[in-house]
Amino acid sequence: HRLAPEGMPSVAFVSCDYLQRAADVNADVLRGQGILPNTTLSDALTRKIRAGYAAGVTWMDQQVGRVLDTLTDLGQENNTIVLFTADHGWGLGEHGIWCKYCVFENQVRVPMLVRVPWITATHGKTSAALVEHIDIMPTLADLAGILDKVQATEALDGESFQDALRDATAMHKPAAFSQYPRCMNSTMAKEPPYTPNRDVCVGHPASEFTHMGLSVRTPEYRYSEWFRWDGLKCEPNWDVDSDGIELYSHIGDITPGCFDCYENVNLAATPQGRKQYANEITSLRTMLLARYKTQEHIGCPNDHSAEILDGIDNTLEIFW
């Protein structure tokens, strides 16, 4: 599936502008290939880019191997927890996307490999449990036996997923959440190939965002909604209609590694679809708003004075 999902709202797509700076593809990108929703790069270029990415993965694998070999050499492999993850996913042409910067599965789903030497029952097994990065710190504290002490002094957003490490069939939480902004008023839209989705908001203050894409993933579905952004409050404008909703089925998605088997058709793109999946949309939207629409108005980052920031206790307490 090398084109954008059917029925995708235009704000959901990201035009991977960095391709214009790549000598082997920039000419095609300027003609709109590989950067607009319903275009793609040639088979030859696709293979070349994917081969380069595979080389990067191989190099990274070698570096991880060096760390693990050192643990063995030091005699610490059997008393050291190892957790490998990443800060984001990536697109290699699936759905016409060659980067991150959006809330599709390929961009927000990350690898997570965990080895706890003294939990042997699940070694070598995979889990379908939903976990989030905010769960990492509570999990490591839990495995170290200090979670209660940490919770006594720190407010933790995440939850320990030790149960899923002990039982590969255990479900950790009902949903995982992601978000990414849009800056569609950028001057980049006035340059070839003339798409407002080129500016990925890097370097922009939150007050300059135009939209915020909020997404919730359950075992069966991904629901995303693109809210207009209130640049004065630096939060979604909850009082106006959003500029797009997406509902993608993940029913049957239990085997990692199929990067474009799902999220190919937006089930909420038509009135018929919204009627057919009304219950799912209502339920998932309720979960999304419960997570993000709070009574607390944090405001824009530069609204916080130095005096307030200086008053935040950043002390790390050690319990062992």
C-alpha atoms as a PDB file:
ATOM      1  CA  HIS A   1       0.000   0.000   0.000  1.00  0.00           C
ATOM      2  CA  ARG A   2       2.158   2.805  -1.303  1.00  0.00           C
ATOM      3  CA  LEU A   3      -0.539   5.477  -1.435  1.00  0.00           C
ATOM      4  CA  ALA A   4      -2.279   7.375   1.334  1.00  0.00           C
ATOM      5  CA  PRO A   5      -5.124   5.614   3.167  1.00  0.00           C
ATOM      6  CA  GLU A   6      -8.451   5.808   1.397  1.00  0.00           C
ATOM      7  CA  GLY A   7     -10.597   8.549   2.923  1.00  0.00           C
ATOM      8  CA  MET A   8      -7.727  10.070   4.918  1.00  0.00           C
ATOM      9  CA  PRO A   9      -8.283  13.746   5.871  1.00  0.00           C
ATOM     10  CA  SER A  10      -5.637  15.887   4.197  1.00  0.00           C
ATOM     11  CA  VAL A  11      -4.338  17.258   7.508  1.00  0.00           C
ATOM     12  CA  ALA A  12      -3.315  13.740   8.570  1.00  0.00           C
ATOM     13  CA  PHE A  13      -0.723  13.345   5.816  1.00  0.00           C
ATOM     14  CA  VAL A  14       2.875  14.520   6.147  1.00  0.00           C
ATOM     15  CA  SER A  15       4.966  15.559   3.168  1.00  0.00           C
ATOM     16  CA  CYS A  16       8.467  14.368   3.998  1.00  0.00           C
ATOM     17  CA  ASP A  17      10.380  17.476   3.038  1.00  0.00           C
ATOM     18  CA  TYR A  18      13.799  16.067   3.887  1.00  0.00           C
ATOM     19  CA  LEU A  19      13.622  14.058   0.650  1.00  0.00           C
ATOM     20  CA  GLN A  20      14.216  17.301  -1.256  1.00  0.00           C
ATOM     21  CA  ARG A  21      17.696  17.415   0.239  1.00  0.00           C
ATOM     22  CA  ALA A  22      18.557  13.871  -0.852  1.00  0.00           C
ATOM     23  CA  ALA A  23      20.549  13.966  -4.084  1.00  0.00           C
ATOM     24  CA  ASP A  24      19.149  10.708  -5.450  1.00  0.00           C
ATOM     25  CA  VAL A  25      15.475  11.621  -5.054  1.00  0.00           C
ATOM     26  CA  ASN A  26      15.169  15.421  -4.971  1.00  0.00           C
ATOM     27  CA  ALA A  27      14.318  15.788  -8.656  1.00  0.00           C
ATOM     28  CA  ASP A  28      11.407  13.371  -8.330  1.00  0.00           C
ATOM     29  CA  VAL A  29      10.229  15.049  -5.131  1.00  0.00           C
ATOM     30  CA  LEU A  30      10.106  18.470  -6.791  1.00  0.00           C
ATOM     31  CA  ARG A  31       7.763  16.929  -9.350  1.00  0.00           C
ATOM     32  CA  GLY A  32       5.524  15.857  -6.478  1.00  0.00           C
ATOM     33  CA  GLN A  33       6.523  12.211  -6.310  1.00  0.00           C
ATOM     34  CA  GLY A  34       7.023  10.821  -2.841  1.00  0.00           C
ATOM     35  CA  ILE A  35       5.751  13.935  -1.090  1.00  0.00           C
ATOM     36  CA  LEU A  36       2.095  14.265  -2.096  1.00  0.00           C
ATOM     37  CA  PRO A  37      -0.618  11.915  -0.770  1.00  0.00           C
ATOM     38  CA  ASN A  38      -1.317   9.961  -3.949  1.00  0.00           C
ATOM     39  CA  THR A  39       2.121   9.739  -5.519  1.00  0.00           C
ATOM     40  CA  THR A  40       5.050   7.454  -4.885  1.00  0.00           C
ATOM     41  CA  LEU A  41       8.673   7.003  -5.821  1.00  0.00           C
ATOM     42  CA  SER A  42       9.844   4.532  -8.444  1.00  0.00           C
ATOM     43  CA  ASP A  43      10.464   0.905  -7.538  1.00  0.00           C
ATOM     44  CA  ALA A  44      14.210   1.388  -7.989  1.00  0.00           C
ATOM     45  CA  LEU A  45      14.384   4.398  -5.657  1.00  0.00           C
ATOM     46  CA  THR A  46      12.138   2.679  -3.125  1.00  0.00           C
ATOM     47  CA  ARG A  47      14.479  -0.308  -2.999  1.00  0.00           C
ATOM     48  CA  LYS A  48      17.529   1.969  -2.726  1.00  0.00           C
ATOM     49  CA  ILE A  49      16.116   3.961   0.202  1.00  0.00           C
ATOM     50  CA  ARG A  50      14.963   0.824   2.011  1.00  0.00           C
ATOM     51  CA  ALA A  51      18.357  -0.779   1.515  1.00  0.00           C
ATOM     52  CA  GLY A  52      20.009   2.256   3.120  1.00  0.00           C
ATOM     53  CA  TYR A  53      17.628   2.036   6.063  1.00  0.00           C
ATOM     54  CA  ALA A  54      18.352  -1.672   6.435  1.00  0.00           C
ATOM     55  CA  ALA A  55      22.050  -0.853   6.569  1.00  0.00           C
ATOM     56  CA  GLY A  56      21.374   1.610   9.386  1.00  0.00           C
ATOM     57  CA  VAL A  57      19.433  -1.036  11.301  1.00  0.00           C
ATOM     58  CA  THR A  58      22.296  -3.486  10.848  1.00  0.00           C
ATOM     59  CA  TRP A  59      24.804  -0.954  12.187  1.00  0.00           C
ATOM     60  CA  MET A  60      22.578  -0.247  15.192  1.00  0.00           C
ATOM     61  CA  ASP A  61      22.225  -3.971  15.838  1.00  0.00           C
ATOM     62  CA  GLN A  62      25.996  -4.270  15.952  1.00  0.00           C
ATOM     63  CA  GLN A  63      26.266  -1.485  18.543  1.00  0.00           C
ATOM     64  CA  VAL A  64      23.644  -3.114  20.756  1.00  0.00           C
ATOM     65  CA  GLY A  65      25.604  -6.334  20.454  1.00  0.00           C
ATOM     66  CA  ARG A  66      28.712  -4.575  21.723  1.00  0.00           C
ATOM     67  CA  VAL A  67      26.829  -3.396  24.818  1.00  0.00           C
ATOM     68  CA  LEU A  68      25.454  -6.880  25.498  1.00  0.00           C
ATOM     69  CA  ASP A  69      28.867  -8.463  24.954  1.00  0.00           C
ATOM     70  CA  THR A  70      30.358  -6.035  27.461  1.00  0.00           C
ATOM     71  CA  LEU A  71      27.733  -7.009  30.046  1.00  0.00           C
ATOM     72  CA  THR A  72      28.770 -10.618  29.548  1.00  0.00           C
ATOM     73  CA  ASP A  73      32.468  -9.805  29.778  1.00  0.00           C
ATOM     74  CA  LEU A  74      31.857  -7.954  33.047  1.00  0.00           C
ATOM     75  CA  GLY A  75      29.821 -10.825  34.455  1.00  0.00           C
ATOM     76  CA  GLN A  76      26.728  -8.638  34.808  1.00  0.00           C
ATOM     77  CA  GLU A  77      24.376 -10.182  32.233  1.00  0.00           C
ATOM     78  CA  ASN A  78      22.380 -12.134  34.807  1.00  0.00           C
ATOM     79  CA  ASN A  79      21.683  -9.235  37.159  1.00  0.00           C
ATOM     80  CA  THR A  80      21.057  -6.446  34.628  1.00  0.00           C
ATOM     81  CA  ILE A  81      17.707  -5.543  33.062  1.00  0.00           C
ATOM     82  CA  VAL A  82      18.051  -4.589  29.404  1.00  0.00           C
ATOM     83  CA  LEU A  83      15.316  -2.582  27.666  1.00  0.00           C
ATOM     84  CA  PHE A  84      15.618  -1.541  24.025  1.00  0.00           C
ATOM     85  CA  THR A  85      13.164   0.876  22.416  1.00  0.00           C
ATOM     86  CA  ALA A  86      12.993   3.923  20.133  1.00  0.00           C
ATOM     87  CA  ASP A  87      11.448   7.373  20.327  1.00  0.00           C
ATOM     88  CA  HIS A  88       9.326   7.015  17.176  1.00  0.00           C
ATOM     89  CA  GLY A  89       8.588   4.829  14.184  1.00  0.00           C
ATOM     90  CA  TRP A  90       9.326   5.559  10.536  1.00  0.00           C
ATOM     91  CA  GLY A  91       7.835   5.314   7.077  1.00  0.00           C
ATOM     92  CA  LEU A  92       9.593   3.652   4.175  1.00  0.00           C
ATOM     93  CA  GLY A  93       7.006   4.462   1.550  1.00  0.00           C
ATOM     94  CA  GLU A  94       4.061   2.749   3.206  1.00  0.00           C
ATOM     95  CA  HIS A  95       1.000   4.923   2.599  1.00  0.00           C
ATOM     96  CA  GLY A  96       3.254   7.282   0.629  1.00  0.00           C
ATOM     97  CA  ILE A  97       5.114   8.453   3.759  1.00  0.00           C
ATOM     98  CA  TRP A  98       8.913   8.464   4.083  1.00  0.00           C
ATOM     99  CA  CYS A  99       9.369   9.900   7.580  1.00  0.00           C
ATOM    100  CA  LYS A 100       7.662  10.242  10.970  1.00  0.00           C
ATOM    101  CA  TYR A 101       5.681  13.366  12.061  1.00  0.00           C
ATOM    102  CA  CYS A 102       2.160  11.904  12.106  1.00  0.00           C
ATOM    103  CA  VAL A 103      -0.052   9.561  14.118  1.00  0.00           C
ATOM    104  CA  PHE A 104      -0.298   6.525  11.866  1.00  0.00           C
ATOM    105  CA  GLU A 105       0.743   3.130  13.238  1.00  0.00           C
ATOM    106  CA  ASN A 106       4.105   3.065  11.470  1.00  0.00           C
ATOM    107  CA  GLN A 107       5.075   6.426  12.936  1.00  0.00           C
ATOM    108  CA  VAL A 108       3.994   6.017  16.562  1.00  0.00           C
ATOM    109  CA  ARG A 109       4.529   2.304  17.126  1.00  0.00           C
ATOM    110  CA  VAL A 110       8.025   1.527  18.340  1.00  0.00           C
ATOM    111  CA  PRO A 111      10.049  -1.584  19.090  1.00  0.00           C
ATOM    112  CA  MET A 112      10.301  -2.618  22.708  1.00  0.00           C
ATOM    113  CA  LEU A 113      12.485  -5.530  23.727  1.00  0.00           C
ATOM    114  CA  VAL A 114      12.952  -6.331  27.400  1.00  0.00           C
ATOM    115  CA  ARG A 115      15.130  -8.937  29.081  1.00  0.00           C
ATOM    116  CA  VAL A 116      14.813  -9.507  32.795  1.00  0.00           C
ATOM    117  CA  PRO A 117      17.260 -12.315  33.619  1.00  0.00           C
ATOM    118  CA  TRP A 118      15.316 -13.636  36.614  1.00  0.00           C
ATOM    119  CA  ILE A 119      11.971 -13.751  34.753  1.00  0.00           C
ATOM    120  CA  THR A 120      12.627 -16.746  32.534  1.00  0.00           C
ATOM    121  CA  ALA A 121       9.097 -17.949  31.726  1.00  0.00           C
ATOM    122  CA  THR A 122       8.656 -15.403  28.924  1.00  0.00           C
ATOM    123  CA  HIS A 123      12.172 -15.329  27.467  1.00  0.00           C
ATOM    124  CA  GLY A 124      11.941 -15.353  23.683  1.00  0.00           C
ATOM    125  CA  LYS A 125       8.189 -14.683  23.651  1.00  0.00           C
ATOM    126  CA  THR A 126       6.225 -11.750  22.228  1.00  0.00           C
ATOM    127  CA  SER A 127       3.294  -9.932  23.768  1.00  0.00           C
ATOM    128  CA  ALA A 128       0.322  -8.139  22.234  1.00  0.00           C
ATOM    129  CA  ALA A 129      -0.095  -5.951  25.318  1.00  0.00           C
ATOM    130  CA  LEU A 130      -0.364  -2.211  24.736  1.00  0.00           C
ATOM    131  CA  VAL A 131       2.342  -0.248  26.550  1.00  0.00           C
ATOM    132  CA  GLU A 132       3.543   3.353  26.363  1.00  0.00           C
ATOM    133  CA  HIS A 133       6.877   5.033  26.960  1.00  0.00           C
ATOM    134  CA  ILE A 134       5.500   6.577  30.133  1.00  0.00           C
ATOM    135  CA  ASP A 135       5.272   3.010  31.480  1.00  0.00           C
ATOM    136  CA  ILE A 136       9.019   2.368  31.236  1.00  0.00           C
ATOM    137  CA  MET A 137      10.121   4.215  34.353  1.00  0.00           C
ATOM    138  CA  PRO A 138       7.440   2.675  36.637  1.00  0.00           C
ATOM    139  CA  THR A 139       8.247  -0.778  35.228  1.00  0.00           C
ATOM    140  CA  LEU A 140      11.975  -0.491  35.880  1.00  0.00           C
ATOM    141  CA  ALA A 141      11.299   0.870  39.368  1.00  0.00           C
ATOM    142  CA  ASP A 142       8.905  -2.011  39.981  1.00  0.00           C
ATOM    143  CA  LEU A 143      11.440  -4.611  38.831  1.00  0.00           C
ATOM    144  CA  ALA A 144      14.032  -2.981  41.075  1.00  0.00           C
ATOM    145  CA  GLY A 145      11.670  -3.195  44.044  1.00  0.00           C
ATOM    146  CA  ILE A 146      11.449   0.559  44.653  1.00  0.00           C
ATOM    147  CA  LEU A 147       8.169   1.495  42.947  1.00  0.00           C
ATOM    148  CA  ASP A 148       6.353   2.182  46.228  1.00  0.00           C
ATOM    149  CA  LYS A 149       9.098   4.545  47.354  1.00  0.00           C
ATOM    150  CA  VAL A 150       9.092   6.361  44.010  1.00  0.00           C
ATOM    151  CA  GLN A 151       5.309   6.724  44.015  1.00  0.00           C
ATOM    152  CA  ALA A 152       5.453   8.171  47.504  1.00  0.00           C
ATOM    153  CA  THR A 153       7.363  11.207  46.259  1.00  0.00           C
ATOM    154  CA  GLU A 154       6.692  11.395  42.503  1.00  0.00           C
ATOM    155  CA  ALA A 155       3.533  11.676  40.391  1.00  0.00           C
ATOM    156  CA  LEU A 156       3.826   8.997  37.709  1.00  0.00           C
ATOM    157  CA  ASP A 157       1.752   9.103  34.538  1.00  0.00           C
ATOM    158  CA  GLY A 158       2.603   5.536  33.536  1.00  0.00           C
ATOM    159  CA  GLU A 159       1.992   2.094  34.997  1.00  0.00           C
ATOM    160  CA  SER A 160       4.294  -0.864  35.507  1.00  0.00           C
ATOM    161  CA  PHE A 161       3.905  -3.600  32.918  1.00  0.00           C
ATOM    162  CA  GLN A 162       5.747  -6.233  34.981  1.00  0.00           C
ATOM    163  CA  ASP A 163       2.681  -8.492  34.742  1.00  0.00           C
ATOM    164  CA  ALA A 164       3.055  -8.626  30.954  1.00  0.00           C
ATOM    165  CA  LEU A 165       6.714  -9.562  31.357  1.00  0.00           C
ATOM    166  CA  ARG A 166       5.760 -12.472  33.586  1.00  0.00           C
ATOM    167  CA  ASP A 167       2.807 -13.595  31.458  1.00  0.00           C
ATOM    168  CA  ALA A 168       3.011 -12.973  27.702  1.00  0.00           C
ATOM    169  CA  THR A 169      -0.781 -13.283  27.408  1.00  0.00           C
ATOM    170  CA  ALA A 170      -1.538 -10.592  30.000  1.00  0.00           C
ATOM    171  CA  MET A 171      -3.111  -7.333  28.827  1.00  0.00           C
ATOM    172  CA  HIS A 172      -1.485  -4.254  30.352  1.00  0.00           C
ATOM    173  CA  LYS A 173      -3.859  -1.385  29.575  1.00  0.00           C
ATOM    174  CA  PRO A 174      -6.916  -0.825  27.356  1.00  0.00           C
ATOM    175  CA  ALA A 175      -5.404   1.887  25.164  1.00  0.00           C
ATOM    176  CA  ALA A 176      -2.280   3.813  24.193  1.00  0.00           C
ATOM    177  CA  PHE A 177      -2.248   7.491  23.214  1.00  0.00           C
ATOM    178  CA  SER A 178      -0.180   9.587  20.804  1.00  0.00           C
ATOM    179  CA  GLN A 179      -0.209  13.113  19.428  1.00  0.00           C
ATOM    180  CA  TYR A 180       1.535  15.287  16.844  1.00  0.00           C
ATOM    181  CA  PRO A 181       0.931  18.891  15.685  1.00  0.00           C
ATOM    182  CA  ARG A 182       0.580  20.563  12.309  1.00  0.00           C
ATOM    183  CA  CYS A 183       1.901  23.968  11.187  1.00  0.00           C
ATOM    184  CA  MET A 184      -0.072  24.510   7.993  1.00  0.00           C
ATOM    185  CA  ASN A 185       0.348  28.292   7.777  1.00  0.00           C
ATOM    186  CA  SER A 186       4.048  27.930   7.041  1.00  0.00           C
ATOM    187  CA  THR A 187       5.750  29.798   4.205  1.00  0.00           C
ATOM    188  CA  MET A 188       6.905  26.359   3.015  1.00  0.00           C
ATOM    189  CA  ALA A 189       3.458  25.960   1.458  1.00  0.00           C
ATOM    190  CA  LYS A 190       4.384  28.749  -0.994  1.00  0.00           C
ATOM    191  CA  GLU A 191       7.355  26.846  -2.379  1.00  0.00           C
ATOM    192  CA  PRO A 192       7.392  23.837  -4.740  1.00  0.00           C
ATOM    193  CA  PRO A 193       5.740  21.371  -4.486  1.00  0.00           C
ATOM    194  CA  TYR A 194       3.195  23.639  -2.736  1.00  0.00           C
ATOM    195  CA  THR A 195       1.795  21.570   0.087  1.00  0.00           C
ATOM    196  CA  PRO A 196       1.024  22.891   3.592  1.00  0.00           C
ATOM    197  CA  ASN A 197       1.885  19.498   5.091  1.00  0.00           C
ATOM    198  CA  ARG A 198       5.619  20.016   4.542  1.00  0.00           C
ATOM    199  CA  ASP A 199       6.314  21.960   7.732  1.00  0.00           C
ATOM    200  CA  VAL A 200       6.553  19.449  10.580  1.00  0.00           C
ATOM    201  CA  CYS A 201       6.582  22.182  13.259  1.00  0.00           C
ATOM    202  CA  VAL A 202      10.193  21.582  14.299  1.00  0.00           C
ATOM    203  CA  GLY A 203      11.520  24.827  15.752  1.00  0.00           C
ATOM    204  CA  HIS A 204       8.083  26.436  16.002  1.00  0.00           C
ATOM    205  CA  PRO A 205       6.726  27.524  19.388  1.00  0.00           C
ATOM    206  CA  ALA A 206       3.469  25.853  20.371  1.00  0.00           C
ATOM    207  CA  SER A 207       1.622  29.119  19.793  1.00  0.00           C
ATOM    208  CA  GLU A 208       2.240  28.729  16.035  1.00  0.00           C
ATOM    209  CA  PHE A 209       0.639  25.295  15.649  1.00  0.00           C
ATOM    210  CA  THR A 210      -2.510  25.163  13.531  1.00  0.00           C
ATOM    211  CA  HIS A 211      -3.731  21.675  14.493  1.00  0.00           C
ATOM    212  CA  MET A 212      -3.095  18.894  16.957  1.00  0.00           C
ATOM    213  CA  GLY A 213      -3.613  15.285  15.956  1.00  0.00           C
ATOM    214  CA  LEU A 214      -4.714  13.187  18.920  1.00  0.00           C
ATOM    215  CA  SER A 215      -4.810   9.415  18.560  1.00  0.00           C
ATOM    216  CA  VAL A 216      -5.920   6.462  20.662  1.00  0.00           C
ATOM    217  CA  ARG A 217      -5.010   2.853  19.868  1.00  0.00           C
ATOM    218  CA  THR A 218      -6.883  -0.102  21.321  1.00  0.00           C
ATOM    219  CA  PRO A 219      -6.342  -3.756  20.410  1.00  0.00           C
ATOM    220  CA  GLU A 220      -9.097  -3.470  17.778  1.00  0.00           C
ATOM    221  CA  TYR A 221      -8.934   0.092  16.415  1.00  0.00           C
ATOM    222  CA  ARG A 222      -7.001   3.318  15.998  1.00  0.00           C
ATOM    223  CA  TYR A 223      -9.054   6.510  16.272  1.00  0.00           C
ATOM    224  CA  SER A 224      -7.465   9.865  15.466  1.00  0.00           C
ATOM    225  CA  GLU A 225      -8.923  13.355  15.411  1.00  0.00           C
ATOM    226  CA  TRP A 226      -7.344  16.573  14.123  1.00  0.00           C
ATOM    227  CA  PHE A 227      -8.373  19.456  16.345  1.00  0.00           C
ATOM    228  CA  ARG A 228      -7.811  23.078  15.445  1.00  0.00           C
ATOM    229  CA  TRP A 229      -5.256  24.655  17.761  1.00  0.00           C
ATOM    230  CA  ASP A 230      -5.790  27.641  20.034  1.00  0.00           C
ATOM    231  CA  GLY A 231      -2.448  29.430  19.825  1.00  0.00           C
ATOM    232  CA  LEU A 232      -3.294  31.768  22.687  1.00  0.00           C
ATOM    233  CA  LYS A 233      -3.988  28.963  25.151  1.00  0.00           C
ATOM    234  CA  CYS A 234      -1.709  26.382  23.496  1.00  0.00           C
ATOM    235  CA  GLU A 235      -4.353  23.686  23.617  1.00  0.00           C
ATOM    236  CA  PRO A 236      -6.904  22.221  21.200  1.00  0.00           C
ATOM    237  CA  ASN A 237      -9.904  24.397  20.494  1.00  0.00           C
ATOM    238  CA  TRP A 238     -12.552  22.096  21.882  1.00  0.00           C
ATOM    239  CA  ASP A 239     -15.402  24.452  20.960  1.00  0.00           C
ATOM    240  CA  VAL A 240     -15.149  24.164  17.165  1.00  0.00           C
ATOM    241  CA  ASP A 241     -15.470  21.219  14.836  1.00  0.00           C
ATOM    242  CA  SER A 242     -12.275  19.332  14.169  1.00  0.00           C
ATOM    243  CA  ASP A 243     -10.810  19.128  10.671  1.00  0.00           C
ATOM    244  CA  GLY A 244     -10.861  15.370  10.342  1.00  0.00           C
ATOM    245  CA  ILE A 245     -11.472  12.071  12.083  1.00  0.00           C
ATOM    246  CA  GLU A 246      -9.978   8.696  11.276  1.00  0.00           C
ATOM    247  CA  LEU A 247     -10.981   5.196  12.295  1.00  0.00           C
ATOM    248  CA  TYR A 248      -8.841   2.235  11.254  1.00  0.00           C
ATOM    249  CA  SER A 249      -9.498  -1.390  12.070  1.00  0.00           C
ATOM    250  CA  HIS A 250      -6.750  -3.438  13.701  1.00  0.00           C
ATOM    251  CA  ILE A 251      -8.893  -6.497  14.237  1.00  0.00           C
ATOM    252  CA  GLY A 252      -6.636  -9.485  13.696  1.00  0.00           C
ATOM    253  CA  ASP A 253      -3.453  -7.418  14.033  1.00  0.00           C
ATOM    254  CA  ILE A 254      -1.547  -9.670  16.428  1.00  0.00           C
ATOM    255  CA  THR A 255       1.677 -10.359  14.545  1.00  0.00           C
ATOM    256  CA  PRO A 256       4.324  -7.599  14.526  1.00  0.00           C
ATOM    257  CA  GLY A 257       6.052  -6.936  11.240  1.00  0.00           C
ATOM    258  CA  CYS A 258       3.252  -6.307   8.735  1.00  0.00           C
ATOM    259  CA  PHE A 259       3.817  -2.595   8.303  1.00  0.00           C
ATOM    260  CA  ASP A 260       1.001  -1.771   5.904  1.00  0.00           C
ATOM    261  CA  CYS A 261      -1.597  -4.499   6.358  1.00  0.00           C
ATOM    262  CA  TYR A 262      -3.768  -2.098   8.340  1.00  0.00           C
ATOM    263  CA  GLU A 263      -4.810   1.568   8.311  1.00  0.00           C
ATOM    264  CA  ASN A 264      -5.478   1.501   4.576  1.00  0.00           C
ATOM    265  CA  VAL A 265      -9.136   2.575   4.682  1.00  0.00           C
ATOM    266  CA  ASN A 266     -10.549   5.282   6.951  1.00  0.00           C
ATOM    267  CA  LEU A 267     -13.806   3.744   8.191  1.00  0.00           C
ATOM    268  CA  ALA A 268     -15.067   7.160   9.328  1.00  0.00           C
ATOM    269  CA  ALA A 269     -14.558   8.926   5.988  1.00  0.00           C
ATOM    270  CA  THR A 270     -18.175   8.745   4.808  1.00  0.00           C
ATOM    271  CA  PRO A 271     -21.592   9.318   6.412  1.00  0.00           C
ATOM    272  CA  GLN A 272     -22.326   5.631   5.904  1.00  0.00           C
ATOM    273  CA  GLY A 273     -19.115   4.660   7.663  1.00  0.00           C
ATOM    274  CA  ARG A 274     -19.730   7.020  10.562  1.00  0.00           C
ATOM    275  CA  LYS A 275     -23.203   5.536  10.962  1.00  0.00           C
ATOM    276  CA  GLN A 276     -22.007   1.936  10.728  1.00  0.00           C
ATOM    277  CA  TYR A 277     -19.219   2.498  13.275  1.00  0.00           C
ATOM    278  CA  ALA A 278     -21.040   5.049  15.430  1.00  0.00           C
ATOM    279  CA  ASN A 279     -20.604   3.048  18.635  1.00  0.00           C
ATOM    280  CA  GLU A 280     -16.864   2.553  18.097  1.00  0.00           C
ATOM    281  CA  ILE A 281     -16.355   6.224  17.218  1.00  0.00           C
ATOM    282  CA  THR A 282     -18.286   7.405  20.268  1.00  0.00           C
ATOM    283  CA  SER A 283     -16.450   5.069  22.624  1.00  0.00           C
ATOM    284  CA  LEU A 284     -12.976   5.867  21.299  1.00  0.00           C
ATOM    285  CA  ARG A 285     -13.620   9.615  21.157  1.00  0.00           C
ATOM    286  CA  THR A 286     -14.762   9.502  24.778  1.00  0.00           C
ATOM    287  CA  MET A 287     -11.474   7.811  25.718  1.00  0.00           C
ATOM    288  CA  LEU A 288      -9.525  10.417  23.754  1.00  0.00           C
ATOM    289  CA  LEU A 289     -11.239  13.386  25.405  1.00  0.00           C
ATOM    290  CA  ALA A 290     -10.913  11.831  28.848  1.00  0.00           C
ATOM    291  CA  ARG A 291      -7.158  11.654  28.292  1.00  0.00           C
ATOM    292  CA  TYR A 292      -6.576  15.101  26.798  1.00  0.00           C
ATOM    293  CA  LYS A 293      -9.462  17.420  27.653  1.00  0.00           C
ATOM    294  CA  THR A 294      -8.802  18.350  31.239  1.00  0.00           C
ATOM    295  CA  GLN A 295      -9.887  21.253  33.395  1.00  0.00           C
ATOM    296  CA  GLU A 296      -6.267  22.231  33.957  1.00  0.00           C
ATOM    297  CA  HIS A 297      -5.079  24.922  31.533  1.00  0.00           C
ATOM    298  CA  ILE A 298      -1.312  24.736  31.410  1.00  0.00           C
ATOM    299  CA  GLY A 299      -0.852  27.568  28.897  1.00  0.00           C
ATOM    300  CA  CYS A 300       1.962  28.201  26.444  1.00  0.00           C
ATOM    301  CA  PRO A 301       5.479  27.195  27.534  1.00  0.00           C
ATOM    302  CA  ASN A 302       6.856  30.746  27.373  1.00  0.00           C
ATOM    303  CA  ASP A 303       4.041  31.929  29.658  1.00  0.00           C
ATOM    304  CA  HIS A 304       5.862  30.280  32.557  1.00  0.00           C
ATOM    305  CA  SER A 305       8.093  32.774  34.236  1.00  0.00           C
ATOM    306  CA  ALA A 306      11.605  31.967  35.391  1.00  0.00           C
ATOM    307  CA  GLU A 307      10.349  32.309  38.952  1.00  0.00           C
ATOM    308  CA  ILE A 308       7.870  29.457  38.468  1.00  0.00           C
ATOM    309  CA  LEU A 309      10.422  27.255  36.755  1.00  0.00           C
ATOM    310  CA  ASP A 310      12.964  27.911  39.490  1.00  0.00           C
ATOM    311  CA  GLY A 311      10.412  26.692  42.023  1.00  0.00           C
ATOM    312  CA  ILE A 312      10.153  23.229  40.468  1.00  0.00           C
ATOM    313  CA  ASP A 313      11.981  20.577  42.467  1.00  0.00           C
ATOM    314  CA  ASN A 314      14.075  18.549  40.014  1.00  0.00           C
ATOM    315  CA  THR A 315      15.943  16.651  42.720  1.00  0.00           C
ATOM    316  CA  LEU A 316      16.440  12.974  42.010  1.00  0.00           C
ATOM    317  CA  GLU A 317      16.103  10.996  45.189  1.00  0.00           C
ATOM    318  CA  ILE A 318      18.090   7.780  45.461  1.00  0.00           C
ATOM    319  CA  PHE A 319      16.591   4.900  47.463  1.00  0.00           C
ATOM    320  CA  TRP A 320      19.411   2.362  47.453  1.00  0.00           C
END
